[in-house]
Amino acid sequence: MTQKSKPTGTVRTQSQAPKSAPTAAAPKQPVIVKTGDFAFNKDNYRIMFIGLAFIILGFILMIGGGSDDPKVFNPAIFNFQRLTLAPILIIAGYIIEIVAIMKKPKD
């Protein structure tokens, strides 16, 4: 009879095997968040207030054009200022607001 020799040392299962670093992807660097800093800086707020001014001006330009007498039609509600200019200013104001939010502050 021959005896089977047992391997010397420790036997590791696959779950205990040492993990090797992936060769294709580099390890991710931790994200450093500065505490005490605001998400927006002075430029972002300035652009936000400009956009807000556009929106307010657009709504102000839409005001009026009504008639004092309900039996009389006033065609002033269909002028260029209320139908074209004011909505363009409001949409431009919202676009400016989006730009102000998406703009990255300089470090």
Protein backbone atom coordinates (compact mmCIF):
# COMPACT_ATOMS: atom_id res chain seq x y z
CA MET A 1 0.00 0.00 0.00
CA THR A 2 1.13 3.37 -0.85
CA GLN A 3 0.39 6.32 1.27
CA LYS A 4 -0.80 9.54 -0.26
CA SER A 5 1.21 12.50 0.84
CA LYS A 6 -0.64 15.55 2.06
CA PRO A 7 0.51 18.98 0.90
CA THR A 8 2.40 20.97 3.44
CA GLY A 9 1.35 24.49 4.43
CA THR A 10 -2.10 26.00 4.59
CA VAL A 11 -4.76 25.33 2.05
CA ARG A 12 -6.82 28.34 0.96
CA THR A 13 -10.21 28.19 -0.55
CA GLN A 14 -11.19 30.58 -3.31
CA SER A 15 -12.89 32.96 -0.88
CA GLN A 16 -9.71 33.14 1.21
CA ALA A 17 -7.38 33.66 -1.72
CA PRO A 18 -5.66 37.06 -1.78
CA LYS A 19 -7.39 39.52 -4.04
CA SER A 20 -5.35 41.02 -6.80
CA ALA A 21 -5.92 44.56 -8.03
CA PRO A 22 -7.70 44.85 -11.36
CA THR A 23 -5.28 45.66 -14.12
CA ALA A 24 -7.70 47.43 -16.47
CA ALA A 25 -9.18 50.05 -14.13
CA ALA A 26 -7.24 52.36 -11.86
CA PRO A 27 -8.42 52.65 -8.27
CA LYS A 28 -10.86 55.51 -7.70
CA GLN A 29 -9.63 58.50 -5.78
CA PRO A 30 -11.76 59.62 -2.85
CA VAL A 31 -13.83 62.75 -3.39
CA ILE A 32 -12.59 65.57 -1.20
CA VAL A 33 -15.37 67.83 0.03
CA LYS A 34 -14.39 71.09 1.61
CA THR A 35 -16.57 71.83 4.59
CA GLY A 36 -17.74 75.35 5.10
CA ASP A 37 -17.72 76.27 1.41
CA PHE A 38 -20.88 77.29 -0.40
CA ALA A 39 -22.06 75.56 -3.57
CA PHE A 40 -22.32 78.91 -5.37
CA ASN A 41 -19.94 81.81 -5.39
CA LYS A 42 -20.49 85.52 -6.02
CA ASP A 43 -20.62 85.12 -9.81
CA ASN A 44 -23.35 82.47 -9.59
CA TYR A 45 -25.53 84.70 -7.42
CA ARG A 46 -24.96 87.69 -9.70
CA ILE A 47 -26.07 85.67 -12.75
CA MET A 48 -29.08 84.35 -10.78
CA PHE A 49 -30.23 87.88 -9.93
CA ILE A 50 -29.86 88.94 -13.56
CA GLY A 51 -32.06 86.00 -14.60
CA LEU A 52 -34.58 86.87 -11.90
CA ALA A 53 -34.68 90.47 -13.18
CA PHE A 54 -35.44 89.18 -16.71
CA ILE A 55 -38.29 87.02 -15.39
CA ILE A 56 -39.79 89.85 -13.31
CA LEU A 57 -39.50 92.32 -16.22
CA GLY A 58 -41.25 89.83 -18.51
CA PHE A 59 -44.17 89.45 -16.11
CA ILE A 60 -44.40 93.22 -15.63
CA LEU A 61 -44.57 93.71 -19.41
CA MET A 62 -47.51 91.28 -19.55
CA ILE A 63 -49.55 93.35 -17.09
CA GLY A 64 -52.32 95.59 -18.37
CA GLY A 65 -54.19 95.91 -21.60
CA GLY A 66 -57.55 95.33 -20.01
CA SER A 67 -60.62 97.45 -20.47
CA ASP A 68 -62.26 99.62 -17.83
CA ASP A 69 -65.71 98.85 -19.25
CA PRO A 70 -66.45 95.12 -19.59
CA LYS A 71 -68.72 95.82 -22.59
CA VAL A 72 -65.89 97.43 -24.59
CA PHE A 73 -63.14 95.29 -26.19
CA ASN A 74 -59.63 96.70 -25.93
CA PRO A 75 -57.29 95.37 -28.68
CA ALA A 76 -54.23 96.52 -26.68
CA ILE A 77 -53.97 93.05 -25.14
CA PHE A 78 -52.72 91.74 -28.49
CA ASN A 79 -49.76 94.07 -28.96
CA PHE A 80 -46.11 93.07 -29.53
CA GLN A 81 -45.10 93.78 -25.92
CA ARG A 82 -47.53 91.30 -24.37
CA LEU A 83 -47.57 88.55 -26.99
CA THR A 84 -43.92 88.43 -28.07
CA LEU A 85 -41.49 90.47 -25.98
CA ALA A 86 -42.65 89.43 -22.50
CA PRO A 87 -42.60 85.64 -23.13
CA ILE A 88 -39.16 85.91 -24.77
CA LEU A 89 -37.83 87.74 -21.68
CA ILE A 90 -39.32 85.15 -19.35
CA ILE A 91 -37.83 82.21 -21.27
CA ALA A 92 -34.47 84.01 -21.46
CA GLY A 93 -34.63 84.55 -17.69
CA TYR A 94 -35.17 80.84 -17.07
CA ILE A 95 -32.28 79.95 -19.37
CA ILE A 96 -30.05 82.41 -17.49
CA GLU A 97 -31.11 80.78 -14.21
CA ILE A 98 -30.13 77.34 -15.53
CA VAL A 99 -26.75 78.70 -16.62
CA ALA A 100 -26.23 80.26 -13.18
CA ILE A 101 -26.97 76.94 -11.46
CA MET A 102 -24.83 74.83 -13.78
CA LYS A 103 -21.79 77.18 -13.81
CA LYS A 104 -18.91 75.73 -11.82
CA PRO A 105 -17.32 78.10 -9.31
CA LYS A 106 -13.65 78.86 -9.81
CA ASP A 107 -11.36 77.39 -7.17
